[in-house]
Amino acid sequence: MLDLWPTDITQSRMRAPVTILKQQALLLEEKTEGIIIAKVKRLDRESNNGINRNPDHLFKEDQSKRQMFMYEFYLIAPTLDNYYHSLFQISHSIELYPISIYSDEELRSEYAENKHEGFIVNSETEFIETLRKIFGSRKTKKIIHAIIAQSAELDLN
């Protein structure tokens, strides 16, 4: 049989955005010694989760006919009865980039120029840089510090 496929077709250096998010989730759990667990959840249009409680805001008009991959990155505090905080959501097509990133306005004001809509990144490098800004933001640190403080209070009782 004649094989017309290139020999390097299965060799890729690309990482899916969800893989990057899951790696960061594991690192946060290690850094906080399990006080905070980060999770990445796949969303769909019918899902009732998300910042606006309606994931349709993750779809741009020109993308609405294409299948999109949507994920939510959230923090869980096991010692606080599994307190849950959604940090941000992303959406992208099968091509991985561009990625739309959505968060609440306070967090978005720290990492995005456009304060009212989803922030777009066009490459893995931009995605990683934006994640660095989100994870290092005042709002993210405030949430993490509050969870750690409240968890420490429970340890004293």
Protein backbone atom coordinates (compact mmCIF):
# COMPACT_ATOMS: atom_id res chain seq x y z
CA MET A 1 0.00 0.00 0.00
CA LEU A 2 1.27 3.46 -0.90
CA ASP A 3 1.86 5.58 2.24
CA LEU A 4 1.59 9.32 1.54
CA TRP A 5 1.84 10.42 5.15
CA PRO A 6 5.04 12.16 6.31
CA THR A 7 7.26 10.08 8.60
CA ASP A 8 7.19 12.74 11.31
CA ILE A 9 3.39 13.10 11.45
CA THR A 10 3.12 11.79 15.01
CA GLN A 11 6.10 13.71 16.35
CA SER A 12 4.97 16.90 17.99
CA ARG A 13 6.42 19.29 20.50
CA MET A 14 3.05 20.92 21.07
CA ARG A 15 1.47 20.75 24.52
CA ALA A 16 -2.26 21.07 24.92
CA PRO A 17 -3.27 24.01 27.11
CA VAL A 18 -5.10 21.61 29.44
CA THR A 19 -1.81 19.75 29.99
CA ILE A 20 -0.11 22.97 31.05
CA LEU A 21 -3.00 23.77 33.40
CA LYS A 22 -2.92 20.30 34.99
CA GLN A 23 0.83 20.56 35.55
CA GLN A 24 0.33 23.89 37.31
CA ALA A 25 -2.46 22.41 39.41
CA LEU A 26 -0.11 19.69 40.64
CA LEU A 27 2.59 22.24 41.44
CA LEU A 28 0.19 24.35 43.53
CA GLU A 29 -0.86 21.32 45.56
CA GLU A 30 2.82 20.53 46.21
CA LYS A 31 3.65 24.14 47.14
CA THR A 32 0.75 24.37 49.59
CA GLU A 33 1.34 20.85 50.96
CA GLY A 34 -2.21 19.89 50.02
CA ILE A 35 -3.91 22.81 51.75
CA ILE A 36 -5.08 23.96 48.32
CA ILE A 37 -5.86 21.62 45.47
CA ALA A 38 -6.24 23.06 41.98
CA LYS A 39 -8.41 21.22 39.48
CA VAL A 40 -9.04 21.57 35.77
CA LYS A 41 -12.53 20.68 34.65
CA ARG A 42 -13.72 20.30 31.07
CA LEU A 43 -16.85 22.33 30.40
CA ASP A 44 -19.48 22.04 27.72
CA ARG A 45 -22.26 24.31 26.50
CA GLU A 46 -24.81 22.56 28.67
CA SER A 47 -22.67 22.88 31.77
CA ASN A 48 -24.04 25.10 34.49
CA ASN A 49 -20.60 26.03 35.80
CA GLY A 50 -18.46 29.01 35.16
CA ILE A 51 -17.90 32.59 36.03
CA ASN A 52 -21.11 33.75 34.39
CA ARG A 53 -22.89 30.47 35.10
CA ASN A 54 -23.35 30.15 31.35
CA PRO A 55 -20.44 28.92 29.24
CA ASP A 56 -21.92 30.39 26.05
CA HIS A 57 -19.90 33.53 26.81
CA LEU A 58 -16.83 31.47 25.90
CA PHE A 59 -17.93 31.27 22.28
CA LYS A 60 -17.26 34.01 19.79
CA GLU A 61 -19.77 34.32 16.95
CA ASP A 62 -17.29 33.09 14.34
CA GLN A 63 -16.41 30.09 16.51
CA SER A 64 -19.94 29.12 17.53
CA LYS A 65 -20.28 26.55 14.75
CA ARG A 66 -16.98 24.87 15.59
CA GLN A 67 -16.44 22.48 18.45
CA MET A 68 -14.62 24.27 21.22
CA PHE A 69 -12.62 22.88 24.11
CA MET A 70 -13.45 24.72 27.33
CA TYR A 71 -11.85 24.30 30.74
CA GLU A 72 -12.24 25.83 34.16
CA PHE A 73 -9.30 26.19 36.54
CA TYR A 74 -10.45 26.26 40.12
CA LEU A 75 -9.09 26.04 43.64
CA ILE A 76 -10.39 23.70 46.34
CA ALA A 77 -9.70 23.90 50.07
CA PRO A 78 -10.26 20.38 51.47
CA THR A 79 -10.00 21.57 55.10
CA LEU A 80 -12.72 24.19 54.50
CA ASP A 81 -15.40 21.68 53.52
CA ASN A 82 -14.05 21.65 49.97
CA TYR A 83 -14.51 25.39 49.47
CA TYR A 84 -14.42 26.00 45.72
CA HIS A 85 -13.22 29.11 43.87
CA SER A 86 -13.20 29.41 40.07
CA LEU A 87 -10.08 31.32 39.09
CA PHE A 88 -10.54 31.43 35.30
CA GLN A 89 -11.78 29.60 32.23
CA ILE A 90 -10.28 29.05 28.81
CA SER A 91 -11.62 28.03 25.41
CA HIS A 92 -9.90 27.04 22.18
CA SER A 93 -10.48 25.09 19.00
CA ILE A 94 -8.77 21.82 18.04
CA GLU A 95 -5.85 23.90 16.75
CA LEU A 96 -5.07 24.89 20.38
CA TYR A 97 -4.36 28.57 19.64
CA PRO A 98 -5.66 31.19 19.93
CA ILE A 99 -7.01 30.69 23.44
CA SER A 100 -9.66 32.90 25.02
CA ILE A 101 -9.18 33.38 28.76
CA TYR A 102 -12.07 34.53 30.96
CA SER A 103 -12.05 35.56 34.60
CA ASP A 104 -13.78 38.00 36.87
CA GLU A 105 -13.17 41.67 36.26
CA GLU A 106 -10.90 42.21 39.26
CA LEU A 107 -8.48 39.49 38.21
CA ARG A 108 -8.71 40.41 34.52
CA SER A 109 -7.68 43.99 35.34
CA GLU A 110 -4.32 42.62 36.50
CA TYR A 111 -3.42 40.62 33.39
CA ALA A 112 -5.42 41.96 30.43
CA GLU A 113 -5.59 45.27 28.61
CA ASN A 114 -9.25 44.76 27.70
CA LYS A 115 -11.08 44.77 31.03
CA HIS A 116 -14.52 43.79 29.69
CA GLU A 117 -14.02 40.74 27.48
CA GLY A 118 -12.07 37.55 27.22
CA PHE A 119 -8.35 37.95 26.77
CA ILE A 120 -6.83 36.26 23.70
CA VAL A 121 -3.41 34.60 23.57
CA ASN A 122 -2.00 33.37 20.29
CA SER A 123 0.80 31.00 21.30
CA GLU A 124 2.01 28.71 24.06
CA THR A 125 4.54 31.36 25.08
CA GLU A 126 1.79 33.99 25.48
CA PHE A 127 -0.39 31.49 27.36
CA ILE A 128 2.39 30.66 29.83
CA GLU A 129 3.17 34.36 30.34
CA THR A 130 -0.50 35.12 30.98
CA LEU A 131 -0.77 32.22 33.44
CA ARG A 132 2.30 33.59 35.23
CA LYS A 133 0.48 36.93 35.59
CA ILE A 134 -2.76 35.29 36.75
CA PHE A 135 -1.05 33.05 39.31
CA GLY A 136 1.09 35.95 40.56
CA SER A 137 -1.75 38.47 40.68
CA ARG A 138 -2.83 40.26 43.87
CA LYS A 139 -6.27 38.66 43.65
CA THR A 140 -4.94 35.10 43.31
CA LYS A 141 -2.47 35.60 46.15
CA LYS A 142 -5.21 37.12 48.32
CA ILE A 143 -7.45 34.08 47.79
CA ILE A 144 -4.64 31.60 48.44
CA HIS A 145 -3.45 33.46 51.54
CA ALA A 146 -7.01 33.57 52.90
CA ILE A 147 -7.49 29.84 52.37
CA ILE A 148 -4.17 29.06 54.07
CA ALA A 149 -4.99 31.38 57.00
CA GLN A 150 -8.41 29.85 57.52
CA SER A 151 -7.00 26.34 57.23
CA ALA A 152 -4.34 27.19 59.84
CA GLU A 153 -7.08 28.46 62.17
CA LEU A 154 -8.81 25.08 61.92
CA ASP A 155 -5.54 23.33 62.83
CA LEU A 156 -5.43 25.30 66.11
CA ASN A 157 -8.84 23.98 67.20
